[in-house]
N, C-alpha and C. Protein backbone atom coordinates (compact mmCIF):
# COMPACT_ATOMS: atom_id res chain seq x y z
N MET A 1 -51.43 24.68 -42.37
CA MET A 1 -51.26 23.29 -43.00
C MET A 1 -52.48 22.91 -42.69
N THR A 2 -53.23 22.68 -43.69
CA THR A 2 -54.92 21.81 -43.60
C THR A 2 -54.87 21.44 -44.00
N GLY A 3 -55.50 19.99 -43.71
CA GLY A 3 -55.60 18.49 -44.33
C GLY A 3 -56.84 17.94 -44.50
N GLN A 4 -57.19 16.95 -45.02
CA GLN A 4 -58.71 15.93 -45.09
C GLN A 4 -58.43 15.18 -44.04
N PHE A 5 -59.29 14.93 -43.32
CA PHE A 5 -59.32 14.00 -42.19
C PHE A 5 -60.66 13.25 -42.50
N PHE A 6 -61.04 12.24 -43.12
CA PHE A 6 -62.34 11.29 -43.22
C PHE A 6 -62.95 12.11 -44.02
N GLY A 7 -62.79 13.18 -44.91
CA GLY A 7 -63.83 14.06 -45.76
C GLY A 7 -64.04 15.30 -45.44
N ARG A 8 -63.36 15.63 -43.87
CA ARG A 8 -63.78 16.81 -43.58
C ARG A 8 -62.18 17.47 -43.26
N ARG A 9 -62.24 18.55 -43.31
CA ARG A 9 -61.13 19.36 -43.21
C ARG A 9 -61.06 19.99 -42.24
N VAL A 10 -59.50 19.55 -41.26
CA VAL A 10 -59.00 20.13 -40.02
C VAL A 10 -58.02 21.08 -40.00
N LYS A 11 -58.08 21.76 -39.41
CA LYS A 11 -57.22 22.85 -39.33
C LYS A 11 -56.48 22.91 -37.89
N ARG A 12 -56.74 22.74 -36.78
CA ARG A 12 -55.95 22.47 -35.56
C ARG A 12 -56.24 21.08 -34.72
N ILE A 13 -55.48 20.51 -34.10
CA ILE A 13 -55.43 18.98 -33.90
C ILE A 13 -56.67 18.56 -32.97
N ASP A 14 -56.98 19.99 -32.24
CA ASP A 14 -58.24 19.56 -31.38
C ASP A 14 -59.69 19.47 -31.99
N GLU A 15 -59.65 19.44 -33.27
CA GLU A 15 -60.61 19.18 -34.37
C GLU A 15 -60.59 17.75 -34.55
N LEU A 16 -59.55 16.89 -34.20
CA LEU A 16 -59.59 15.75 -35.03
C LEU A 16 -60.34 15.11 -34.20
N ALA A 17 -61.05 13.88 -34.68
CA ALA A 17 -62.11 13.05 -33.69
C ALA A 17 -61.24 12.35 -32.60
N GLN A 18 -62.12 11.94 -31.40
CA GLN A 18 -61.62 11.99 -30.26
C GLN A 18 -61.78 10.11 -30.13
N ASP A 19 -62.73 9.58 -30.41
CA ASP A 19 -62.94 8.16 -30.75
C ASP A 19 -63.03 7.82 -31.84
N LEU A 20 -61.77 7.13 -32.44
CA LEU A 20 -62.10 6.45 -33.69
C LEU A 20 -61.52 4.90 -33.34
N PRO A 21 -62.28 4.02 -33.70
CA PRO A 21 -62.19 2.60 -33.18
C PRO A 21 -61.35 2.25 -34.21
N PRO A 22 -59.97 1.09 -33.82
CA PRO A 22 -59.26 0.99 -34.88
C PRO A 22 -60.20 -0.48 -35.44
N GLY A 23 -59.59 -0.51 -37.11
CA GLY A 23 -60.06 -1.33 -37.90
C GLY A 23 -60.22 -2.71 -37.51
N ARG A 24 -59.39 -3.14 -36.47
CA ARG A 24 -59.71 -4.66 -35.85
C ARG A 24 -58.62 -4.48 -34.54
N ASP A 25 -58.85 -5.27 -33.61
CA ASP A 25 -58.60 -5.26 -32.22
C ASP A 25 -57.33 -5.92 -32.31
N LEU A 26 -56.04 -5.59 -31.87
CA LEU A 26 -54.71 -6.08 -31.85
C LEU A 26 -54.43 -6.71 -30.78
N TRP A 27 -55.14 -6.24 -29.92
CA TRP A 27 -54.35 -6.80 -28.28
C TRP A 27 -54.26 -8.13 -28.07
N PRO A 28 -55.46 -9.10 -28.69
CA PRO A 28 -55.35 -10.34 -28.37
C PRO A 28 -54.17 -11.38 -28.87
N ALA A 29 -53.48 -10.55 -30.25
CA ALA A 29 -52.64 -11.45 -30.57
C ALA A 29 -51.15 -10.78 -30.21
N ILE A 30 -51.20 -9.23 -29.57
CA ILE A 30 -50.13 -8.97 -28.51
C ILE A 30 -49.67 -9.56 -27.14
N SER A 31 -50.90 -10.12 -26.53
CA SER A 31 -50.86 -10.44 -25.59
C SER A 31 -50.38 -12.11 -25.59
N ALA A 32 -50.71 -12.74 -26.64
CA ALA A 32 -50.77 -14.10 -26.87
C ALA A 32 -49.17 -14.27 -27.24
N GLY A 33 -48.91 -13.43 -27.90
CA GLY A 33 -47.19 -13.44 -28.09
C GLY A 33 -46.34 -13.29 -27.19
N ILE A 34 -46.76 -12.14 -26.02
CA ILE A 34 -46.01 -12.18 -24.81
C ILE A 34 -46.15 -13.42 -23.89
N ALA A 35 -47.28 -13.82 -23.88
CA ALA A 35 -47.29 -15.34 -23.11
C ALA A 35 -46.38 -16.23 -24.02
N GLN A 36 -46.27 -16.01 -25.18
CA GLN A 36 -45.78 -17.39 -25.51
C GLN A 36 -43.86 -17.12 -25.19
N ALA A 37 -43.70 -15.63 -25.58
CA ALA A 37 -42.14 -15.11 -24.95
C ALA A 37 -42.01 -15.56 -23.77
N ILE A 38 -42.69 -15.48 -23.17
CA ILE A 38 -42.65 -15.43 -21.40
C ILE A 38 -42.49 -17.39 -21.25
N GLU A 39 -43.22 -17.89 -21.86
CA GLU A 39 -43.16 -19.33 -21.77
C GLU A 39 -41.69 -19.85 -22.31
N ALA A 40 -41.78 -19.26 -23.24
CA ALA A 40 -40.02 -19.53 -24.00
C ALA A 40 -39.27 -19.61 -22.98
N GLU A 41 -39.00 -18.48 -23.01
CA GLU A 41 -37.99 -17.78 -21.63
C GLU A 41 -37.87 -18.72 -20.31
N LYS A 42 -39.16 -18.83 -19.67
CA LYS A 42 -38.77 -19.74 -18.83
C LYS A 42 -38.20 -21.40 -19.17
N GLY A 43 -38.82 -22.12 -20.01
CA GLY A 43 -38.37 -23.44 -20.43
C GLY A 43 -36.99 -23.26 -20.70
N ALA A 44 -36.42 -22.71 -21.62
CA ALA A 44 -35.36 -22.47 -21.99
C ALA A 44 -34.38 -22.17 -21.02
N SER A 45 -34.60 -20.89 -20.17
CA SER A 45 -33.57 -20.75 -19.09
C SER A 45 -33.84 -20.98 -17.76
N ALA A 46 -34.48 -22.10 -17.70
CA ALA A 46 -34.77 -22.42 -16.18
C ALA A 46 -33.66 -23.25 -15.25
N PRO A 47 -32.97 -24.37 -16.27
CA PRO A 47 -31.53 -24.52 -15.45
C PRO A 47 -30.57 -23.30 -15.63
N THR A 48 -30.20 -22.36 -16.53
CA THR A 48 -29.69 -21.38 -16.46
C THR A 48 -29.88 -20.51 -15.03
N VAL A 49 -31.26 -20.10 -15.06
CA VAL A 49 -31.28 -19.30 -13.87
C VAL A 49 -30.99 -19.84 -12.66
N ALA A 50 -31.30 -20.95 -12.25
CA ALA A 50 -30.75 -21.65 -11.25
C ALA A 50 -29.51 -21.90 -10.92
N SER A 51 -28.80 -21.86 -11.98
CA SER A 51 -27.27 -22.03 -11.93
C SER A 51 -26.89 -20.74 -11.73
N SER A 52 -27.38 -19.30 -12.49
CA SER A 52 -26.60 -18.74 -12.42
C SER A 52 -26.66 -17.74 -10.83
N ALA A 53 -28.18 -18.18 -10.39
CA ALA A 53 -28.44 -17.80 -9.09
C ALA A 53 -27.39 -18.49 -8.35
N GLY A 54 -27.19 -19.62 -8.43
CA GLY A 54 -26.40 -20.26 -7.05
C GLY A 54 -24.87 -19.64 -7.33
N ARG A 55 -24.52 -19.68 -8.50
CA ARG A 55 -22.88 -18.74 -8.97
C ARG A 55 -23.06 -17.39 -8.30
N TYR A 56 -24.32 -16.69 -8.26
CA TYR A 56 -23.88 -15.09 -7.94
C TYR A 56 -24.16 -15.12 -6.42
N TYR A 57 -24.60 -16.58 -5.42
CA TYR A 57 -24.90 -17.01 -4.61
C TYR A 57 -23.45 -16.99 -3.73
N TRP A 58 -22.78 -18.17 -4.54
CA TRP A 58 -21.20 -18.35 -4.01
C TRP A 58 -20.02 -16.94 -4.33
N ARG A 59 -20.31 -16.16 -5.10
CA ARG A 59 -19.45 -15.31 -5.32
C ARG A 59 -18.79 -14.40 -3.96
N PRO A 60 -19.67 -14.30 -3.40
CA PRO A 60 -19.36 -13.10 -2.13
C PRO A 60 -18.53 -14.59 -0.97
N ALA A 61 -19.18 -15.81 -0.94
CA ALA A 61 -19.10 -16.31 0.04
C ALA A 61 -17.54 -17.08 -0.03
N SER A 62 -16.93 -17.26 -1.54
CA SER A 62 -15.81 -17.81 -2.08
C SER A 62 -14.84 -16.41 -1.84
N ALA A 63 -15.44 -15.26 -1.95
CA ALA A 63 -14.27 -14.13 -2.24
C ALA A 63 -13.96 -14.05 -0.31
N LEU A 64 -14.65 -14.11 0.52
CA LEU A 64 -14.88 -14.11 1.80
C LEU A 64 -13.73 -15.05 2.49
N ALA A 65 -13.92 -16.36 1.85
CA ALA A 65 -13.13 -17.34 2.21
C ALA A 65 -11.73 -17.04 1.73
N ALA A 66 -11.69 -16.84 0.31
CA ALA A 66 -10.26 -16.26 -0.44
C ALA A 66 -9.62 -15.26 0.91
N ALA A 67 -10.10 -14.27 1.26
CA ALA A 67 -9.79 -13.31 1.82
C ALA A 67 -9.44 -13.76 3.22
N VAL A 68 -9.91 -14.65 4.21
CA VAL A 68 -9.26 -15.14 5.41
C VAL A 68 -8.38 -16.06 5.29
N ALA A 69 -8.22 -17.11 4.06
CA ALA A 69 -7.21 -17.70 3.69
C ALA A 69 -6.26 -16.51 3.10
N LEU A 70 -6.11 -15.48 2.63
CA LEU A 70 -4.77 -14.62 2.34
C LEU A 70 -4.57 -14.11 3.71
N VAL A 71 -5.46 -13.51 4.84
CA VAL A 71 -4.79 -13.52 5.99
C VAL A 71 -4.11 -14.11 6.78
N ALA A 72 -4.63 -15.40 6.92
CA ALA A 72 -4.27 -16.79 7.54
C ALA A 72 -2.76 -16.88 7.00
N VAL A 73 -2.65 -16.97 5.80
CA VAL A 73 -1.30 -17.46 5.05
C VAL A 73 -0.32 -15.71 5.27
N GLY A 74 -0.68 -14.69 5.56
CA GLY A 74 0.09 -13.71 5.65
C GLY A 74 0.66 -13.70 7.07
N MET A 75 -0.11 -13.85 7.67
CA MET A 75 0.14 -14.34 9.04
C MET A 75 1.24 -15.22 10.05
N TRP A 76 1.17 -16.30 8.93
CA TRP A 76 1.90 -17.30 9.00
C TRP A 76 3.51 -16.75 8.49
N ILE A 77 3.28 -16.42 7.29
CA ILE A 77 4.72 -15.52 6.76
C ILE A 77 5.22 -14.61 7.75
N GLY A 78 4.21 -13.51 8.25
CA GLY A 78 5.03 -12.62 9.11
C GLY A 78 5.54 -13.39 10.15
N ARG A 79 4.93 -14.56 10.91
CA ARG A 79 5.60 -15.09 12.41
C ARG A 79 6.60 -15.57 11.90
N ALA A 80 7.13 -16.34 10.42
CA ALA A 80 8.25 -16.95 10.35
C ALA A 80 9.09 -15.99 10.20
N MET A 81 8.82 -14.57 9.43
CA MET A 81 9.99 -13.81 9.38
C MET A 81 10.22 -13.35 10.58
N THR A 82 9.75 -13.20 11.79
CA THR A 82 10.00 -12.28 13.17
C THR A 82 10.73 -13.22 13.98
N LEU A 83 11.44 -12.69 14.59
CA LEU A 83 12.47 -14.10 15.39
C LEU A 83 12.22 -14.34 16.81
N PRO A 84 12.06 -15.32 17.27
CA PRO A 84 11.56 -14.94 18.74
C PRO A 84 12.35 -14.36 19.55
N SER A 85 11.61 -13.76 20.67
CA SER A 85 12.20 -12.43 21.66
C SER A 85 13.81 -13.24 22.12
N GLY A 86 14.59 -12.42 21.90
CA GLY A 86 15.93 -12.73 22.54
C GLY A 86 16.69 -13.65 21.76
N ASP A 87 16.10 -14.54 21.16
CA ASP A 87 16.90 -15.63 20.04
C ASP A 87 17.38 -14.72 18.80
N GLY A 88 18.55 -14.77 18.69
CA GLY A 88 18.93 -13.97 17.67
C GLY A 88 19.49 -12.46 17.51
N MET A 89 19.25 -12.22 18.97
CA MET A 89 19.16 -10.66 19.09
C MET A 89 20.62 -10.42 19.74
N VAL A 90 20.88 -9.16 19.46
CA VAL A 90 21.60 -8.44 20.34
C VAL A 90 21.60 -6.82 20.44
N ALA A 91 22.59 -6.53 21.97
CA ALA A 91 22.20 -5.13 22.07
C ALA A 91 22.82 -4.32 20.77
N SER A 92 22.19 -3.21 20.48
CA SER A 92 22.84 -2.19 19.02
C SER A 92 23.89 -1.62 19.50
N THR A 93 24.52 -1.52 20.23
CA THR A 93 25.64 -0.85 20.86
C THR A 93 26.14 -1.43 21.87
N PRO A 94 27.67 -1.79 22.16
CA PRO A 94 28.09 -2.45 23.24
C PRO A 94 27.43 -1.70 24.40
N GLY A 95 27.14 -2.34 25.55
CA GLY A 95 26.84 -1.80 27.04
C GLY A 95 25.20 -1.49 26.89
N ALA A 96 24.71 -1.28 25.61
CA ALA A 96 23.58 -0.76 25.49
C ALA A 96 22.25 -1.54 25.79
N ALA A 97 22.67 -3.32 26.06
CA ALA A 97 21.24 -3.54 27.20
C ALA A 97 21.67 -3.16 28.48
N GLU A 98 23.05 -3.20 29.18
CA GLU A 98 22.97 -2.35 30.66
C GLU A 98 22.03 -1.47 30.88
N ASN A 99 22.12 -0.49 29.49
CA ASN A 99 21.36 0.65 29.18
C ASN A 99 19.90 1.19 29.31
N GLY A 100 19.42 -0.45 29.19
CA GLY A 100 18.01 -0.50 28.72
C GLY A 100 17.60 0.05 27.28
N ALA A 101 18.47 -0.53 26.50
CA ALA A 101 18.68 0.16 25.14
C ALA A 101 17.76 -1.18 24.35
N ALA A 102 17.27 -1.26 23.24
CA ALA A 102 16.56 -1.97 22.58
C ALA A 102 17.51 -3.35 22.26
N LEU A 103 17.18 -4.49 21.86
CA LEU A 103 17.65 -5.06 21.05
C LEU A 103 17.46 -5.49 19.89
N ILE A 104 18.47 -5.63 18.89
CA ILE A 104 18.08 -5.76 17.73
C ILE A 104 18.28 -7.00 17.14
N PRO A 105 17.66 -7.34 15.90
CA PRO A 105 18.23 -8.81 15.23
C PRO A 105 19.64 -8.64 14.80
N THR A 106 20.32 -9.91 15.20
CA THR A 106 21.91 -10.10 14.66
C THR A 106 22.20 -9.90 13.28
N ALA A 107 21.09 -10.13 12.17
CA ALA A 107 21.12 -9.70 10.92
C ALA A 107 21.02 -8.72 10.85
N TRP A 108 20.58 -7.30 11.25
CA TRP A 108 20.98 -6.21 11.11
C TRP A 108 22.03 -5.20 11.53
N GLN A 109 22.84 -6.32 12.45
CA GLN A 109 23.84 -5.68 13.13
C GLN A 109 24.96 -5.33 11.95
N ARG A 110 25.69 -4.10 11.98
CA ARG A 110 26.72 -4.01 11.38
C ARG A 110 27.93 -4.41 11.18
N ASP A 111 28.39 -5.07 10.06
CA ASP A 111 29.49 -6.01 10.09
C ASP A 111 30.36 -5.89 10.47
N GLU A 112 31.60 -5.98 11.11
CA GLU A 112 32.91 -5.62 11.65
C GLU A 112 33.90 -4.96 10.47
N LYS A 113 33.50 -5.30 9.38
CA LYS A 113 34.73 -4.31 8.51
C LYS A 113 33.87 -3.12 8.30
N TYR A 114 32.38 -2.79 8.61
CA TYR A 114 31.74 -1.58 8.42
C TYR A 114 32.34 -1.10 9.60
N ARG A 115 32.45 -1.61 10.84
CA ARG A 115 32.45 -1.14 12.14
C ARG A 115 34.37 -0.30 12.30
N GLU A 116 34.62 -1.31 11.54
CA GLU A 116 36.56 -0.76 11.70
C GLU A 116 36.51 0.60 10.17
N GLN A 117 35.67 0.47 9.34
CA GLN A 117 36.02 1.62 8.62
C GLN A 117 35.42 2.56 8.95
N ARG A 118 34.18 2.38 9.96
CA ARG A 118 33.40 3.61 10.70
C ARG A 118 34.71 4.34 11.70
N ASN A 119 35.26 3.46 12.61
CA ASN A 119 36.01 4.23 13.47
C ASN A 119 37.21 4.45 13.36
N ALA A 120 37.66 3.96 11.80
CA ALA A 120 39.18 4.55 11.29
C ALA A 120 38.56 6.09 10.87
N LEU A 121 37.35 6.33 10.21
CA LEU A 121 37.09 7.53 9.67
C LEU A 121 36.34 8.34 11.21
N LEU A 122 36.09 8.10 12.02
CA LEU A 122 35.55 9.18 13.55
C LEU A 122 36.99 9.20 13.65
N VAL A 123 38.01 8.86 13.77
CA VAL A 123 39.52 9.16 14.07
C VAL A 123 40.20 10.33 13.38
N GLU A 124 39.81 9.98 12.12
CA GLU A 124 40.38 11.32 10.98
C GLU A 124 39.60 12.36 11.14
N VAL A 125 38.05 12.05 11.26
CA VAL A 125 37.31 13.35 11.48
C VAL A 125 37.50 14.01 12.95
N GLN A 126 37.71 12.95 13.90
CA GLN A 126 38.06 14.17 15.15
C GLN A 126 39.12 14.95 14.86
N VAL A 127 40.31 14.72 14.38
CA VAL A 127 41.49 15.15 14.21
C VAL A 127 41.05 16.80 13.02
N ARG A 128 40.10 16.31 11.78
CA ARG A 128 39.87 17.16 11.45
C ARG A 128 39.08 18.34 12.18
N LEU A 129 37.86 18.11 13.28
CA LEU A 129 37.00 18.80 13.90
C LEU A 129 38.10 19.76 14.80
N GLN A 130 39.09 19.45 15.15
CA GLN A 130 40.11 20.01 16.35
C GLN A 130 40.76 21.03 15.62
N ALA A 131 40.91 20.72 14.27
CA ALA A 131 41.38 22.20 12.96
C ALA A 131 40.36 23.08 12.82
N MET A 132 38.75 22.67 12.77
CA MET A 132 38.22 23.65 12.57
C MET A 132 38.06 24.85 13.32
N PRO A 133 37.84 25.94 12.82
CA PRO A 133 37.20 26.91 13.85
C PRO A 133 35.97 26.61 14.83
N ALA A 134 35.56 26.98 15.94
CA ALA A 134 34.86 26.76 16.94
C ALA A 134 33.16 26.64 16.36
N ALA A 135 32.80 28.13 15.41
CA ALA A 135 31.25 27.82 14.93
C ALA A 135 31.56 26.71 14.21
N GLU A 136 31.92 26.17 13.00
CA GLU A 136 31.90 25.43 12.36
C GLU A 136 31.94 23.79 13.10
N ARG A 137 33.11 23.96 13.92
CA ARG A 137 33.09 22.83 14.53
C ARG A 137 31.72 21.79 15.24
N ASP A 138 31.09 23.63 16.00
CA ASP A 138 29.66 23.28 16.80
C ASP A 138 28.70 22.41 15.38
N LYS A 139 28.68 23.20 14.65
CA LYS A 139 27.86 23.06 13.54
C LYS A 139 27.81 21.50 13.06
N VAL A 140 28.74 21.17 12.45
CA VAL A 140 29.76 19.42 12.21
C VAL A 140 28.97 18.54 13.20
N GLY A 141 29.31 18.66 14.36
CA GLY A 141 28.96 18.07 15.45
C GLY A 141 27.58 17.83 15.72
N ALA A 142 26.91 18.76 15.63
CA ALA A 142 25.56 19.08 16.11
C ALA A 142 24.93 17.77 14.81
N SER A 143 25.47 17.88 13.44
CA SER A 143 24.98 17.77 12.45
C SER A 143 25.47 16.00 12.54
N LEU A 144 26.48 15.42 12.82
CA LEU A 144 27.01 14.54 13.49
C LEU A 144 26.19 13.68 14.15
N ALA A 145 25.91 14.49 15.38
CA ALA A 145 24.93 13.83 16.73
C ALA A 145 23.85 13.72 16.13
N THR A 146 23.19 14.43 15.23
CA THR A 146 21.89 14.21 15.07
C THR A 146 21.81 12.81 14.31
N LEU A 147 22.62 12.38 13.41
CA LEU A 147 22.38 11.40 12.38
C LEU A 147 22.94 10.51 13.69
N ARG A 148 23.55 10.36 14.64
CA ARG A 148 23.93 8.80 15.16
C ARG A 148 22.59 9.01 16.30
N ARG A 149 21.88 10.11 16.84
CA ARG A 149 20.75 9.78 17.43
C ARG A 149 19.58 9.46 16.61
N SER A 150 19.61 9.67 15.64
CA SER A 150 18.43 9.11 14.30
C SER A 150 18.80 7.44 14.24
N ILE A 151 20.14 7.11 14.18
CA ILE A 151 20.67 5.82 13.63
C ILE A 151 20.18 5.19 15.19
N GLY A 152 20.36 5.65 16.33
CA GLY A 152 20.32 4.85 17.35
C GLY A 152 18.63 4.54 17.86
N GLU A 153 17.69 5.35 17.52
CA GLU A 153 16.14 5.59 17.47
C GLU A 153 15.93 4.74 16.85
N ILE A 154 16.12 4.52 15.35
CA ILE A 154 15.99 3.48 14.13
C ILE A 154 16.04 2.09 14.77
N GLU A 155 17.34 1.80 15.67
CA GLU A 155 17.83 0.58 15.98
C GLU A 155 16.84 0.30 17.02
N ALA A 156 16.56 1.28 18.30
CA ALA A 156 15.14 0.57 19.31
C ALA A 156 14.36 0.35 18.47
N ALA A 157 13.72 0.96 17.51
CA ALA A 157 12.37 0.99 16.95
C ALA A 157 12.83 -0.81 16.00
N LEU A 158 13.43 -0.34 15.31
CA LEU A 158 14.05 -2.12 14.99
C LEU A 158 13.61 -3.11 15.78
N GLY A 159 14.27 -3.03 16.95
CA GLY A 159 14.45 -4.07 17.82
C GLY A 159 12.74 -4.48 18.54
N ARG A 160 11.98 -3.29 18.79
CA ARG A 160 10.82 -3.64 18.81
C ARG A 160 9.96 -4.27 18.08
N ASP A 161 10.15 -4.06 16.59
CA ASP A 161 9.68 -4.53 15.39
C ASP A 161 10.54 -5.03 14.49
N PRO A 162 11.18 -6.15 14.27
CA PRO A 162 12.36 -6.81 13.71
C PRO A 162 12.33 -6.76 12.31
N ALA A 163 10.79 -7.07 11.82
CA ALA A 163 10.28 -7.26 10.43
C ALA A 163 9.76 -6.31 9.45
N ASN A 164 9.84 -5.05 9.99
CA ASN A 164 9.53 -3.89 9.51
C ASN A 164 10.77 -3.68 8.28
N ALA A 165 10.19 -3.48 7.28
CA ALA A 165 10.95 -3.39 5.89
C ALA A 165 11.05 -1.68 6.08
N LEU A 166 10.55 -1.21 6.34
CA LEU A 166 10.76 0.60 6.44
C LEU A 166 11.69 0.94 7.23
N LEU A 167 11.60 0.54 8.46
CA LEU A 167 12.89 0.69 9.21
C LEU A 167 14.22 -0.05 8.81
N GLN A 168 14.16 -1.11 8.35
CA GLN A 168 15.23 -1.86 7.96
C GLN A 168 15.74 -1.15 6.87
N GLU A 169 15.08 -0.41 6.15
CA GLU A 169 15.69 0.63 4.85
C GLU A 169 16.28 1.92 5.45
N LEU A 170 15.35 2.47 6.58
CA LEU A 170 15.85 3.88 6.98
C LEU A 170 17.19 3.49 8.14
N LEU A 171 17.33 2.40 8.28
CA LEU A 171 18.30 2.08 9.01
C LEU A 171 19.83 2.33 7.84
N VAL A 172 19.54 1.42 7.09
CA VAL A 172 20.80 1.24 6.06
C VAL A 172 21.01 2.68 5.61
N ASN A 173 19.36 3.80 5.33
CA ASN A 173 19.51 4.59 4.57
C ASN A 173 20.89 5.86 5.52
N SER A 174 20.17 5.56 7.09
CA SER A 174 20.86 6.51 7.64
C SER A 174 22.29 5.94 8.08
N CYS A 175 22.72 5.18 7.89
CA CYS A 175 24.46 4.43 8.02
C CYS A 175 25.11 5.06 6.98
N GLN A 176 24.17 4.98 5.84
CA GLN A 176 25.07 5.21 4.40
C GLN A 176 24.92 6.99 4.58
N GLU A 177 24.24 7.65 5.05
CA GLU A 177 24.10 9.14 5.03
C GLU A 177 25.40 9.58 6.20
N GLU A 178 25.57 8.77 7.36
CA GLU A 178 26.23 8.91 8.13
C GLU A 178 27.87 8.92 7.51
N MET A 179 27.71 7.44 6.74
CA MET A 179 29.12 7.71 6.17
C MET A 179 29.32 8.82 4.88
N ARG A 180 28.61 9.03 4.35
CA ARG A 180 29.11 10.31 3.28
C ARG A 180 29.52 11.07 4.52
N ALA A 181 28.83 11.94 5.23
CA ALA A 181 28.80 13.02 5.71
C ALA A 181 30.20 12.81 6.53
N LEU A 182 30.47 11.55 7.08
CA LEU A 182 32.32 11.49 7.80
C LEU A 182 33.14 11.45 6.70
N THR A 183 32.73 10.89 5.97
CA THR A 183 33.80 11.28 4.67
C THR A 183 33.96 12.69 4.14
N ALA A 184 32.88 13.27 3.91
CA ALA A 184 32.85 14.82 3.78
C ALA A 184 33.64 15.60 4.88
N VAL A 185 33.23 15.16 5.74
CA VAL A 185 34.52 16.53 6.85
C VAL A 185 35.48 15.67 6.64
N ARG A 186 35.67 14.61 6.51
CA ARG A 186 37.55 14.39 6.50
C ARG A 186 37.68 14.70 4.90
N ASP A 187 37.16 14.42 3.99
CA ASP A 187 38.15 15.15 2.64
C ASP A 187 37.88 16.61 2.68
N ALA A 188 37.21 16.96 2.93
CA ALA A 188 37.29 18.64 3.54
C ALA A 188 38.17 19.17 3.63
N GLY A 189 38.93 18.68 4.96
CA GLY A 189 40.49 19.11 5.46
C GLY A 189 41.40 18.74 4.38
N SER A 190 41.45 17.74 3.80
CA SER A 190 42.72 17.48 2.70
C SER A 190 42.45 18.01 1.71
N GLN A 191 41.21 18.97 1.44
CA GLN A 191 40.98 19.71 0.28
C GLN A 191 41.74 21.15 0.64
N GLU A 192 41.68 21.52 1.88
CA GLU A 192 42.20 23.08 1.94
C GLU A 192 43.47 22.72 2.16
N SER A 193 44.29 21.74 2.64
CA SER A 193 45.74 21.64 2.81
C SER A 193 46.20 22.25 1.48
């Protein structure tokens, strides 16, 4: 690739002339254009820069204020939801208060109809357990005892933290599981007959 450069033939790049002055000096026009652009930017955006700087300054402050307000509202709601100690609280089982068992909110006490159905089911299950072989009776009895112990532990924890939604759900689920187990034991006896 050979070419002519100002009347002289160049074969390699290092043969090019090292210092060729431009036909005219462009820097004064470029410098003047940059200066004009900066001045125009300052003049047009001076209020915007100040207002946006203030806006960015207030964003963290307003976010912090909103977070503090949310925490305060959450604490207020939480306090409103919890019952005062001893007010509206009853022992988890009859005689439990004398034994040092925790008190749970009245709202989470199992209602009379549930207790009646559970007691009737327990009577039927006791009859069925007496008819079972000893090994099977021990397994079923251990399972039912585990369910009763779990319910008691959940009620005790709920007595310490009555507003805990997880404990409330666990109590409901455990009571339902106990009823299913009692019903299954009762029905197992009627299916074999």
